[in-house]
C-alpha atoms as a PDB file:
ATOM      1  CA  MET A   1       7.017  -2.363  15.142  1.00  0.00           C
ATOM      2  CA  ALA A   2       6.044  -1.356  11.520  1.00  0.00           C
ATOM      3  CA  ILE A   3       6.897  -2.391   7.743  1.00  0.00           C
ATOM      4  CA  LEU A   4       7.809   0.721   5.049  1.00  0.00           C
ATOM      5  CA  VAL A   5       7.165   3.656   7.544  1.00  0.00           C
ATOM      6  CA  ASP A   6       6.168   4.732  10.604  1.00  0.00           C
ATOM      7  CA  GLY A   7       6.151   7.375  12.894  1.00  0.00           C
ATOM      8  CA  GLU A   8       9.977   8.730  12.130  1.00  0.00           C
ATOM      9  CA  SER A   9       9.638   8.957   8.561  1.00  0.00           C
ATOM     10  CA  ARG A  10       9.478  12.180   7.211  1.00  0.00           C
ATOM     11  CA  VAL A  11       7.121  12.756   4.597  1.00  0.00           C
ATOM     12  CA  LEU A  12       6.921  14.888   1.399  1.00  0.00           C
ATOM     13  CA  VAL A  13       3.918  15.951  -0.662  1.00  0.00           C
ATOM     14  CA  GLN A  14       4.377  15.846  -4.421  1.00  0.00           C
ATOM     15  CA  GLY A  15       1.875  18.285  -5.806  1.00  0.00           C
ATOM     16  CA  ILE A  16       0.906  19.790  -2.462  1.00  0.00           C
ATOM     17  CA  THR A  17      -1.026  22.491  -3.823  1.00  0.00           C
ATOM     18  CA  GLY A  18      -3.450  20.890  -5.982  1.00  0.00           C
ATOM     19  CA  ARG A  19      -6.842  19.867  -4.579  1.00  0.00           C
ATOM     20  CA  GLU A  20      -5.591  16.325  -3.749  1.00  0.00           C
ATOM     21  CA  GLY A  21      -2.815  17.331  -2.476  1.00  0.00           C
ATOM     22  CA  THR A  22      -3.851  20.050  -0.216  1.00  0.00           C
ATOM     23  CA  PHE A  23      -6.787  17.856   1.049  1.00  0.00           C
ATOM     24  CA  HIS A  24      -4.997  14.755   1.673  1.00  0.00           C
ATOM     25  CA  THR A  25      -1.793  16.467   3.379  1.00  0.00           C
ATOM     26  CA  GLU A  26      -4.492  17.983   6.126  1.00  0.00           C
ATOM     27  CA  ARG A  27      -5.458  14.443   6.226  1.00  0.00           C
ATOM     28  CA  MET A  28      -2.079  12.989   6.836  1.00  0.00           C
ATOM     29  CA  LEU A  29      -1.588  15.668   9.548  1.00  0.00           C
ATOM     30  CA  ALA A  30      -4.572  15.076  11.098  1.00  0.00           C
ATOM     31  CA  ALA A  31      -3.728  11.342  11.624  1.00  0.00           C
ATOM     32  CA  GLY A  32       0.167  12.389  13.431  1.00  0.00           C
ATOM     33  CA  THR A  33       2.164  11.922  10.079  1.00  0.00           C
ATOM     34  CA  ARG A  34       5.134  13.679   9.898  1.00  0.00           C
ATOM     35  CA  VAL A  35       4.403  15.661   7.040  1.00  0.00           C
ATOM     36  CA  VAL A  36       7.902  18.067   6.387  1.00  0.00           C
ATOM     37  CA  ALA A  37       7.800  19.139   2.959  1.00  0.00           C
ATOM     38  CA  GLY A  38       5.562  19.569  -0.673  1.00  0.00           C
ATOM     39  CA  THR A  39       6.787  20.267  -3.796  1.00  0.00           C
ATOM     40  CA  SER A  40       5.246  22.211  -6.291  1.00  0.00           C
ATOM     41  CA  PRO A  41       7.563  23.764  -9.499  1.00  0.00           C
ATOM     42  CA  LYS A  42       6.082  27.045  -9.677  1.00  0.00           C
ATOM     43  CA  LYS A  43       4.410  27.868  -5.855  1.00  0.00           C
ATOM     44  CA  ALA A  44       7.990  27.332  -3.871  1.00  0.00           C
ATOM     45  CA  GLY A  45       7.982  28.923  -1.100  1.00  0.00           C
ATOM     46  CA  GLN A  46       4.859  29.276  -0.048  1.00  0.00           C
ATOM     47  CA  THR A  47       2.884  26.818   3.117  1.00  0.00           C
ATOM     48  CA  VAL A  48       0.211  24.275   2.392  1.00  0.00           C
ATOM     49  CA  CYS A  49      -1.287  23.507   6.282  1.00  0.00           C
ATOM     50  CA  GLY A  50       1.641  24.474   7.978  1.00  0.00           C
ATOM     51  CA  VAL A  51       3.733  22.652   5.167  1.00  0.00           C
ATOM     52  CA  PRO A  52       6.696  24.711   3.438  1.00  0.00           C
ATOM     53  CA  VAL A  53       6.212  23.990  -0.361  1.00  0.00           C
ATOM     54  CA  PHE A  54       9.910  23.644  -2.549  1.00  0.00           C
ATOM     55  CA  ALA A  55      10.444  24.033  -6.446  1.00  0.00           C
ATOM     56  CA  ASP A  56      11.850  20.602  -6.820  1.00  0.00           C
ATOM     57  CA  VAL A  57      12.365  16.965  -4.672  1.00  0.00           C
ATOM     58  CA  ARG A  58      15.950  17.371  -4.494  1.00  0.00           C
ATOM     59  CA  ALA A  59      15.552  20.961  -2.808  1.00  0.00           C
ATOM     60  CA  ALA A  60      13.406  20.090  -0.114  1.00  0.00           C
ATOM     61  CA  VAL A  61      14.737  16.786   0.546  1.00  0.00           C
ATOM     62  CA  GLU A  62      18.162  18.644   1.451  1.00  0.00           C
ATOM     63  CA  ALA A  63      16.247  21.601   3.656  1.00  0.00           C
ATOM     64  CA  THR A  64      13.758  19.031   5.487  1.00  0.00           C
ATOM     65  CA  GLY A  65      15.326  14.910   5.404  1.00  0.00           C
ATOM     66  CA  ALA A  66      12.312  13.940   3.849  1.00  0.00           C
ATOM     67  CA  ASP A  67      12.811  10.031   3.452  1.00  0.00           C
ATOM     68  CA  VAL A  68       9.256   8.941   2.168  1.00  0.00           C
ATOM     69  CA  ALA A  69       7.506  10.538  -1.150  1.00  0.00           C
ATOM     70  CA  VAL A  70       3.277  10.456  -1.811  1.00  0.00           C
ATOM     71  CA  GLN A  71       2.552  11.277  -5.027  1.00  0.00           C
ATOM     72  CA  PHE A  72      -0.643  13.396  -6.210  1.00  0.00           C
ATOM     73  CA  VAL A  73       0.158  14.647  -9.599  1.00  0.00           C
ATOM     74  CA  PRO A  74      -1.474  14.135 -13.392  1.00  0.00           C
ATOM     75  CA  ALA A  75      -0.568  11.234 -14.684  1.00  0.00           C
ATOM     76  CA  ARG A  76       0.918  12.590 -17.808  1.00  0.00           C
ATOM     77  CA  PHE A  77       3.301  14.301 -15.286  1.00  0.00           C
ATOM     78  CA  ALA A  78       3.388  11.023 -12.965  1.00  0.00           C
ATOM     79  CA  LYS A  79       6.782   9.555 -14.741  1.00  0.00           C
ATOM     80  CA  ALA A  80       8.950  12.572 -14.350  1.00  0.00           C
ATOM     81  CA  ALA A  81       7.903  13.081 -10.768  1.00  0.00           C
ATOM     82  CA  LEU A  82       8.266   9.227  -9.920  1.00  0.00           C
ATOM     83  CA  LEU A  83      11.872   9.592 -11.776  1.00  0.00           C
ATOM     84  CA  GLU A  84      12.773  12.935  -9.421  1.00  0.00           C
ATOM     85  CA  ALA A  85      12.158  11.415  -6.378  1.00  0.00           C
ATOM     86  CA  ALA A  86      14.105   8.500  -6.886  1.00  0.00           C
ATOM     87  CA  GLU A  87      17.086  10.157  -8.008  1.00  0.00           C
ATOM     88  CA  ALA A  88      16.635  12.843  -4.892  1.00  0.00           C
ATOM     89  CA  GLY A  89      17.377   9.981  -2.433  1.00  0.00           C
ATOM     90  CA  VAL A  90      14.010   9.327  -0.566  1.00  0.00           C
ATOM     91  CA  ARG A  91      13.356   5.360   0.286  1.00  0.00           C
ATOM     92  CA  VAL A  92      10.422   4.571  -0.470  1.00  0.00           C
ATOM     93  CA  VAL A  93       7.414   6.676  -2.819  1.00  0.00           C
ATOM     94  CA  VAL A  94       3.469   6.167  -3.132  1.00  0.00           C
ATOM     95  CA  ALA A  95       2.219   6.767  -6.571  1.00  0.00           C
ATOM     96  CA  VAL A  96      -1.471   7.259  -5.518  1.00  0.00           C
ATOM     97  CA  THR A  97      -1.941   8.551  -8.991  1.00  0.00           C
ATOM     98  CA  GLU A  98      -4.074   6.509 -11.560  1.00  0.00           C
ATOM     99  CA  GLY A  99      -3.834   5.822 -15.492  1.00  0.00           C
ATOM    100  CA  ILE A 100      -0.235   6.188 -15.530  1.00  0.00           C
ATOM    101  CA  PRO A 101       0.688   4.690 -18.940  1.00  0.00           C
ATOM    102  CA  VAL A 102       2.319   0.924 -18.726  1.00  0.00           C
ATOM    103  CA  HIS A 103       4.997   2.156 -20.703  1.00  0.00           C
ATOM    104  CA  ASP A 104       6.103   4.489 -17.938  1.00  0.00           C
ATOM    105  CA  MET A 105       5.671   2.272 -15.527  1.00  0.00           C
ATOM    106  CA  MET A 106       8.330  -0.015 -16.905  1.00  0.00           C
ATOM    107  CA  HIS A 107      11.059   2.365 -16.922  1.00  0.00           C
ATOM    108  CA  VAL A 108      10.461   3.718 -13.384  1.00  0.00           C
ATOM    109  CA  THR A 109       9.968   0.215 -11.911  1.00  0.00           C
ATOM    110  CA  ALA A 110      13.501  -0.580 -13.189  1.00  0.00           C
ATOM    111  CA  THR A 111      14.570   2.728 -12.290  1.00  0.00           C
ATOM    112  CA  PHE A 112      13.403   2.170  -8.690  1.00  0.00           C
ATOM    113  CA  VAL A 113      14.747  -1.437  -8.553  1.00  0.00           C
ATOM    114  CA  ARG A 114      18.095  -0.808  -9.829  1.00  0.00           C
ATOM    115  CA  ARG A 115      18.147   1.859  -7.018  1.00  0.00           C
ATOM    116  CA  GLY A 116      16.861   0.223  -4.048  1.00  0.00           C
ATOM    117  CA  ILE A 117      14.439   2.271  -3.565  1.00  0.00           C
ATOM    118  CA  ARG A 118      10.578   1.214  -2.546  1.00  0.00           C
ATOM    119  CA  LEU A 119       7.589   1.841  -4.818  1.00  0.00           C
ATOM    120  CA  ILE A 120       3.651   1.046  -3.415  1.00  0.00           C
ATOM    121  CA  GLY A 121       1.852   1.534  -6.316  1.00  0.00           C
ATOM    122  CA  PRO A 122       0.696   3.509  -8.807  1.00  0.00           C
ATOM    123  CA  ASN A 123      -3.427   3.708  -8.743  1.00  0.00           C
ATOM    124  CA  CYS A 124      -3.063   2.526  -4.761  1.00  0.00           C
ATOM    125  CA  PRO A 125      -4.520   3.873  -1.582  1.00  0.00           C
ATOM    126  CA  GLY A 126      -1.137   3.990  -0.026  1.00  0.00           C
ATOM    127  CA  VAL A 127       0.256   2.781   3.418  1.00  0.00           C
ATOM    128  CA  VAL A 128      -0.428   2.686   7.232  1.00  0.00           C
ATOM    129  CA  SER A 129       1.689   2.257  10.209  1.00  0.00           C
ATOM    130  CA  VAL A 130      -0.544   1.823  12.933  1.00  0.00           C
ATOM    131  CA  ALA A 131       0.346   4.203  16.195  1.00  0.00           C
ATOM    132  CA  ARG A 132       1.209   2.049  18.546  1.00  0.00           C
ATOM    133  CA  ASP A 133       1.522   2.926  22.276  1.00  0.00           C
ATOM    134  CA  GLY A 134       1.570   6.700  21.898  1.00  0.00           C
ATOM    135  CA  SER A 135       4.648   7.089  22.770  1.00  0.00           C
ATOM    136  CA  GLY A 136       5.909   8.930  19.924  1.00  0.00           C
ATOM    137  CA  GLY A 137       8.919   8.083  17.731  1.00  0.00           C
ATOM    138  CA  ALA A 138       8.820   4.981  15.798  1.00  0.00           C
ATOM    139  CA  ASP A 139       5.573   3.673  17.389  1.00  0.00           C
ATOM    140  CA  ALA A 140       3.862   7.017  16.650  1.00  0.00           C
ATOM    141  CA  GLY A 141       2.565   5.677  13.175  1.00  0.00           C
ATOM    142  CA  ALA A 142       2.171   7.202   9.789  1.00  0.00           C
ATOM    143  CA  ASN A 143      -0.525   7.471   7.448  1.00  0.00           C
ATOM    144  CA  VAL A 144       1.045   7.887   3.888  1.00  0.00           C
ATOM    145  CA  GLY A 145      -1.516   7.960   1.190  1.00  0.00           C
ATOM    146  CA  ILE A 146      -5.694   8.488   0.926  1.00  0.00           C
ATOM    147  CA  MET A 147      -6.729   5.698   3.635  1.00  0.00           C
ATOM    148  CA  PRO A 148      -9.360   7.164   6.381  1.00  0.00           C
ATOM    149  CA  ALA A 149      -7.292   6.607   9.359  1.00  0.00           C
ATOM    150  CA  ASP A 150     -10.508   6.305  11.415  1.00  0.00           C
ATOM    151  CA  ILE A 151     -10.625   2.775  10.735  1.00  0.00           C
ATOM    152  CA  PHE A 152      -7.132   1.474  12.213  1.00  0.00           C
ATOM    153  CA  ALA A 153      -6.434  -0.008  15.562  1.00  0.00           C
ATOM    154  CA  PRO A 154      -3.344  -1.259  16.404  1.00  0.00           C
ATOM    155  CA  GLY A 155      -2.597  -5.011  16.895  1.00  0.00           C
ATOM    156  CA  PRO A 156      -0.996  -8.102  15.496  1.00  0.00           C
ATOM    157  CA  VAL A 157      -2.689  -8.523  11.826  1.00  0.00           C
ATOM    158  CA  GLY A 158      -0.155  -6.960   8.735  1.00  0.00           C
ATOM    159  CA  VAL A 159      -2.434  -6.448   6.052  1.00  0.00           C
ATOM    160  CA  VAL A 160      -1.701  -6.139   2.255  1.00  0.00           C
ATOM    161  CA  SER A 161      -3.652  -5.623  -0.696  1.00  0.00           C
ATOM    162  CA  ARG A 162      -4.557  -5.276  -4.884  1.00  0.00           C
ATOM    163  CA  SER A 163      -8.078  -3.022  -4.055  1.00  0.00           C
ATOM    164  CA  GLY A 164      -8.421   0.397  -2.586  1.00  0.00           C
ATOM    165  CA  THR A 165     -12.094   0.105  -1.200  1.00  0.00           C
ATOM    166  CA  LEU A 166     -11.988  -3.498   0.351  1.00  0.00           C
ATOM    167  CA  THR A 167      -8.858  -2.802   2.285  1.00  0.00           C
ATOM    168  CA  TYR A 168     -11.084  -0.108   3.890  1.00  0.00           C
ATOM    169  CA  GLN A 169     -13.522  -2.715   4.611  1.00  0.00           C
ATOM    170  CA  ILE A 170     -11.698  -5.525   5.368  1.00  0.00           C
ATOM    171  CA  VAL A 171      -9.385  -3.431   7.529  1.00  0.00           C
ATOM    172  CA  HIS A 172     -12.670  -2.395   9.234  1.00  0.00           C
ATOM    173  CA  GLU A 173     -14.303  -5.744   9.968  1.00  0.00           C
ATOM    174  CA  LEU A 174     -10.798  -6.683  11.835  1.00  0.00           C
ATOM    175  CA  THR A 175     -10.950  -3.808  13.937  1.00  0.00           C
ATOM    176  CA  GLN A 176     -14.469  -4.048  15.096  1.00  0.00           C
ATOM    177  CA  ALA A 177     -13.705  -7.569  15.792  1.00  0.00           C
ATOM    178  CA  GLY A 178     -10.880  -6.302  18.014  1.00  0.00           C
ATOM    179  CA  LEU A 179      -8.065  -7.588  15.103  1.00  0.00           C
ATOM    180  CA  GLY A 180      -5.619  -4.203  15.038  1.00  0.00           C
ATOM    181  CA  GLN A 181      -3.090  -3.999  12.535  1.00  0.00           C
ATOM    182  CA  THR A 182       0.342  -3.770  12.068  1.00  0.00           C
ATOM    183  CA  THR A 183       0.685  -2.086   9.108  1.00  0.00           C
ATOM    184  CA  VAL A 184      -2.083  -2.278   5.961  1.00  0.00           C
ATOM    185  CA  VAL A 185      -0.401  -1.761   2.392  1.00  0.00           C
ATOM    186  CA  GLY A 186      -2.212  -1.072  -0.528  1.00  0.00           C
ATOM    187  CA  MET A 187       0.043  -1.995  -3.094  1.00  0.00           C
ATOM    188  CA  GLY A 188      -2.527  -0.930  -6.045  1.00  0.00           C
ATOM    189  CA  GLY A 189      -4.094  -2.636  -8.996  1.00  0.00           C
ATOM    190  CA  ASP A 190      -2.090  -2.188 -11.722  1.00  0.00           C
ATOM    191  CA  PRO A 191      -0.704  -4.618 -14.270  1.00  0.00           C
ATOM    192  CA  VAL A 192       2.648  -2.829 -13.436  1.00  0.00           C
ATOM    193  CA  HIS A 193       3.556  -1.914 -10.118  1.00  0.00           C
ATOM    194  CA  GLY A 194       5.985  -1.737  -7.318  1.00  0.00           C
ATOM    195  CA  LEU A 195       5.991  -3.461  -4.401  1.00  0.00           C
ATOM    196  CA  GLY A 196       3.941  -6.897  -5.503  1.00  0.00           C
ATOM    197  CA  PHE A 197       2.077  -9.361  -2.108  1.00  0.00           C
ATOM    198  CA  ILE A 198       5.587 -11.937  -2.097  1.00  0.00           C
ATOM    199  CA  ASP A 199       7.204  -8.477  -1.018  1.00  0.00           C
ATOM    200  CA  CYS A 200       5.164  -7.767   1.501  1.00  0.00           C
ATOM    201  CA  LEU A 201       4.460 -10.968   2.842  1.00  0.00           C
ATOM    202  CA  ALA A 202       8.288 -11.517   3.198  1.00  0.00           C
ATOM    203  CA  LEU A 203       8.374  -8.161   5.087  1.00  0.00           C
ATOM    204  CA  PHE A 204       5.721  -9.276   7.593  1.00  0.00           C
ATOM    205  CA  GLU A 205       7.420 -12.609   8.063  1.00  0.00           C
ATOM    206  CA  ALA A 206      10.375 -10.185   9.228  1.00  0.00           C
ATOM    207  CA  ASP A 207       8.373  -8.393  11.594  1.00  0.00           C
ATOM    208  CA  PRO A 208       7.566  -9.664  15.180  1.00  0.00           C
ATOM    209  CA  ALA A 209       4.826  -7.107  15.823  1.00  0.00           C
ATOM    210  CA  THR A 210       3.084  -9.104  13.282  1.00  0.00           C
ATOM    211  CA  GLU A 211       1.573 -12.365  14.235  1.00  0.00           C
ATOM    212  CA  ALA A 212      -0.871 -12.980  11.519  1.00  0.00           C
ATOM    213  CA  VAL A 213      -1.197 -11.783   7.758  1.00  0.00           C
ATOM    214  CA  VAL A 214      -4.203 -10.904   5.693  1.00  0.00           C
ATOM    215  CA  LEU A 215      -4.093 -10.710   1.624  1.00  0.00           C
ATOM    216  CA  ILE A 216      -6.736  -9.411  -0.302  1.00  0.00           C
ATOM    217  CA  GLY A 217      -6.841  -9.921  -4.107  1.00  0.00           C
ATOM    218  CA  GLU A 218      -9.205  -9.830  -7.099  1.00  0.00           C
ATOM    219  CA  ILE A 219      -9.484 -11.533 -10.463  1.00  0.00           C
ATOM    220  CA  GLY A 220      -6.430 -11.200 -13.320  1.00  0.00           C
ATOM    221  CA  GLY A 221      -2.879 -11.886 -13.507  1.00  0.00           C
ATOM    222  CA  ASP A 222      -1.000 -14.271 -11.021  1.00  0.00           C
ATOM    223  CA  ASP A 223       0.257 -12.335  -8.314  1.00  0.00           C
ATOM    224  CA  GLU A 224      -1.897 -14.234  -5.577  1.00  0.00           C
ATOM    225  CA  GLU A 225      -0.612 -17.675  -7.045  1.00  0.00           C
ATOM    226  CA  ARG A 226       2.603 -17.053  -6.918  1.00  0.00           C
ATOM    227  CA  ALA A 227       2.127 -15.718  -3.504  1.00  0.00           C
ATOM    228  CA  ALA A 228       0.418 -18.974  -2.374  1.00  0.00           C
ATOM    229  CA  THR A 229       4.145 -20.390  -3.761  1.00  0.00           C
ATOM    230  CA  PHE A 230       5.679 -18.118  -1.013  1.00  0.00           C
ATOM    231  CA  ALA A 231       3.562 -18.942   1.370  1.00  0.00           C
ATOM    232  CA  ARG A 232       3.681 -22.579   1.465  1.00  0.00           C
ATOM    233  CA  GLU A 233       7.408 -22.337   0.995  1.00  0.00           C
ATOM    234  CA  GLN A 234       8.636 -19.100   3.094  1.00  0.00           C
ATOM    235  CA  MET A 235       6.097 -18.158   5.793  1.00  0.00           C
ATOM    236  CA  SER A 236       5.524 -19.102   9.020  1.00  0.00           C
ATOM    237  CA  LYS A 237       2.846 -17.184   9.952  1.00  0.00           C
ATOM    238  CA  PRO A 238      -0.956 -18.036   8.673  1.00  0.00           C
ATOM    239  CA  LEU A 239      -1.909 -16.146   6.264  1.00  0.00           C
ATOM    240  CA  ILE A 240      -5.368 -15.495   5.416  1.00  0.00           C
ATOM    241  CA  ALA A 241      -6.970 -14.376   1.678  1.00  0.00           C
ATOM    242  CA  TYR A 242      -9.646 -12.865   0.484  1.00  0.00           C
ATOM    243  CA  ILE A 243     -10.441 -12.908  -2.944  1.00  0.00           C
ATOM    244  CA  ALA A 244     -12.498 -10.197  -4.781  1.00  0.00           C
ATOM    245  CA  GLY A 245     -14.604 -11.886  -8.228  1.00  0.00           C
ATOM    246  CA  PHE A 246     -16.160 -15.260  -7.755  1.00  0.00           C
ATOM    247  CA  THR A 247     -19.473 -13.697  -8.949  1.00  0.00           C
ATOM    248  CA  ALA A 248     -17.389 -11.557 -12.299  1.00  0.00           C
ATOM    249  CA  PRO A 249     -19.385 -12.554 -15.577  1.00  0.00           C
ATOM    250  CA  PRO A 250     -16.730 -14.407 -17.731  1.00  0.00           C
ATOM    251  CA  GLY A 251     -14.715 -12.346 -20.107  1.00  0.00           C
ATOM    252  CA  LYS A 252     -15.881  -9.185 -18.408  1.00  0.00           C
ATOM    253  CA  THR A 253     -12.918  -7.061 -17.431  1.00  0.00           C
ATOM    254  CA  MET A 254     -13.909  -5.884 -13.850  1.00  0.00           C
ATOM    255  CA  GLY A 255     -12.164  -3.035 -11.526  1.00  0.00           C
ATOM    256  CA  HIS A 256      -8.391  -2.548 -11.763  1.00  0.00           C
ATOM    257  CA  ALA A 257      -6.488  -2.600 -15.172  1.00  0.00           C
ATOM    258  CA  GLY A 258      -4.526  -5.832 -14.014  1.00  0.00           C
ATOM    259  CA  ALA A 259      -7.776  -7.322 -13.449  1.00  0.00           C
ATOM    260  CA  ILE A 260      -8.042  -8.916 -16.667  1.00  0.00           C
ATOM    261  CA  VAL A 261      -8.934 -12.980 -17.092  1.00  0.00           C
ATOM    262  CA  SER A 262      -7.196 -14.537 -19.563  1.00  0.00           C
ATOM    263  CA  GLY A 263      -8.720 -18.141 -20.285  1.00  0.00           C
ATOM    264  CA  GLY A 264      -9.360 -19.745 -16.871  1.00  0.00           C
ATOM    265  CA  ARG A 265      -6.193 -18.577 -15.704  1.00  0.00           C
ATOM    266  CA  GLY A 266      -6.773 -15.469 -13.132  1.00  0.00           C
ATOM    267  CA  THR A 267     -10.093 -16.102 -11.712  1.00  0.00           C
ATOM    268  CA  ALA A 268     -11.186 -16.019  -8.426  1.00  0.00           C
ATOM    269  CA  ALA A 269     -11.805 -20.017  -8.109  1.00  0.00           C
ATOM    270  CA  ALA A 270      -8.366 -20.668  -9.754  1.00  0.00           C
ATOM    271  CA  LYS A 271      -6.405 -18.327  -6.940  1.00  0.00           C
ATOM    272  CA  ALA A 272      -8.526 -20.043  -4.034  1.00  0.00           C
ATOM    273  CA  GLU A 273      -7.250 -23.010  -5.118  1.00  0.00           C
ATOM    274  CA  ALA A 274      -3.966 -22.509  -5.558  1.00  0.00           C
ATOM    275  CA  LEU A 275      -3.986 -20.767  -2.290  1.00  0.00           C
ATOM    276  CA  GLU A 276      -5.929 -23.254  -0.100  1.00  0.00           C
ATOM    277  CA  ALA A 277      -3.694 -25.411  -1.767  1.00  0.00           C
ATOM    278  CA  ALA A 278      -1.066 -24.139  -0.342  1.00  0.00           C
ATOM    279  CA  GLY A 279      -2.400 -24.031   3.419  1.00  0.00           C
ATOM    280  CA  VAL A 280      -3.689 -20.672   2.809  1.00  0.00           C
ATOM    281  CA  ARG A 281      -7.544 -20.201   4.354  1.00  0.00           C
ATOM    282  CA  VAL A 282      -9.494 -18.521   1.837  1.00  0.00           C
ATOM    283  CA  ALA A 283     -12.724 -16.324   3.064  1.00  0.00           C
ATOM    284  CA  ARG A 284     -15.623 -15.960   0.548  1.00  0.00           C
ATOM    285  CA  ARG A 285     -17.049 -12.872   1.838  1.00  0.00           C
ATOM    286  CA  PRO A 286     -14.657 -10.104   3.625  1.00  0.00           C
ATOM    287  CA  ASP A 287     -17.186 -10.478   6.862  1.00  0.00           C
ATOM    288  CA  GLN A 288     -15.503 -13.973   6.946  1.00  0.00           C
ATOM    289  CA  VAL A 289     -12.253 -12.873   7.440  1.00  0.00           C
ATOM    290  CA  PRO A 290     -11.770 -11.895  11.056  1.00  0.00           C
ATOM    291  CA  GLY A 291     -13.304 -15.222  12.066  1.00  0.00           C
ATOM    292  CA  LEU A 292     -10.402 -16.717   9.952  1.00  0.00           C
ATOM    293  CA  VAL A 293      -7.894 -14.513  11.248  1.00  0.00           C
ATOM    294  CA  ASP A 294      -8.823 -15.836  15.097  1.00  0.00           C
ATOM    295  CA  GLU A 295      -8.871 -19.698  14.041  1.00  0.00           C
ATOM    296  CA  SER A 296      -5.527 -19.328  12.745  1.00  0.00           C
ATOM    297  CA  ARG A 297      -4.236 -17.305  15.751  1.00  0.00           C
ATOM    298  CA  SER A 298      -5.480 -20.149  18.366  1.00  0.00           C
ATOM    299  CA  ARG A 299      -3.873 -23.242  16.034  1.00  0.00           C
END
């Protein structure tokens, strides 16, 4: 099984005719994702990588039954594009776009919560459900976003991450160690975003195919501390964490817009302490994660 998307998801690409949209549409299709439509207001009627282009999301949904949207539009148009997807009735939206104003995202996230639509991102690499057995249907998998398909392998580990590059590195480490994945969620590192750690941990906890979960965090905010409380109180499956930023200079903003340390809060050490107090094992290096996963599953 998978969370959020699977091989039956019908994906539409907002901004499909732009350079990034076209490039990643080709990669998603090559990974086996069912990309059924794209949108571009001025290029309706064209095709990109064999995918039909529509003027707007509503027309694309009505014609193709698309239920997942992934966005490749400039930040200044992102709010309107996200709200358009919500109004068209898709159930999951992946916002890859970086640099969307915080005020815009406050409006967007409130709208998505009210409508019951799941938002991943913004400023995120997307979500991958890993193909299970090649039989088609839900088990065929889906790669929605910008993650490289060749690093994944089917297996029992769920992954949720605030980081992009670290997601790829740790997934690669897991795959090389023979620990495949069920679903990998790159939730993004902006301060105002859609699904967070707790949302994804709850989904993994309910997924019978997921036996262990890896959480990849970074300095700033309190998402990891709140995830620690959730894990202690509501998770039966083992949770392993890696927090980036143990060597970050004090007072310096690192990485994502959300990686802002305030006083003594939000540091990697404080996050690791909170997680370990909740019984979560925390790696100090990415290459330690597979070993901790193995140990946690054998207990």
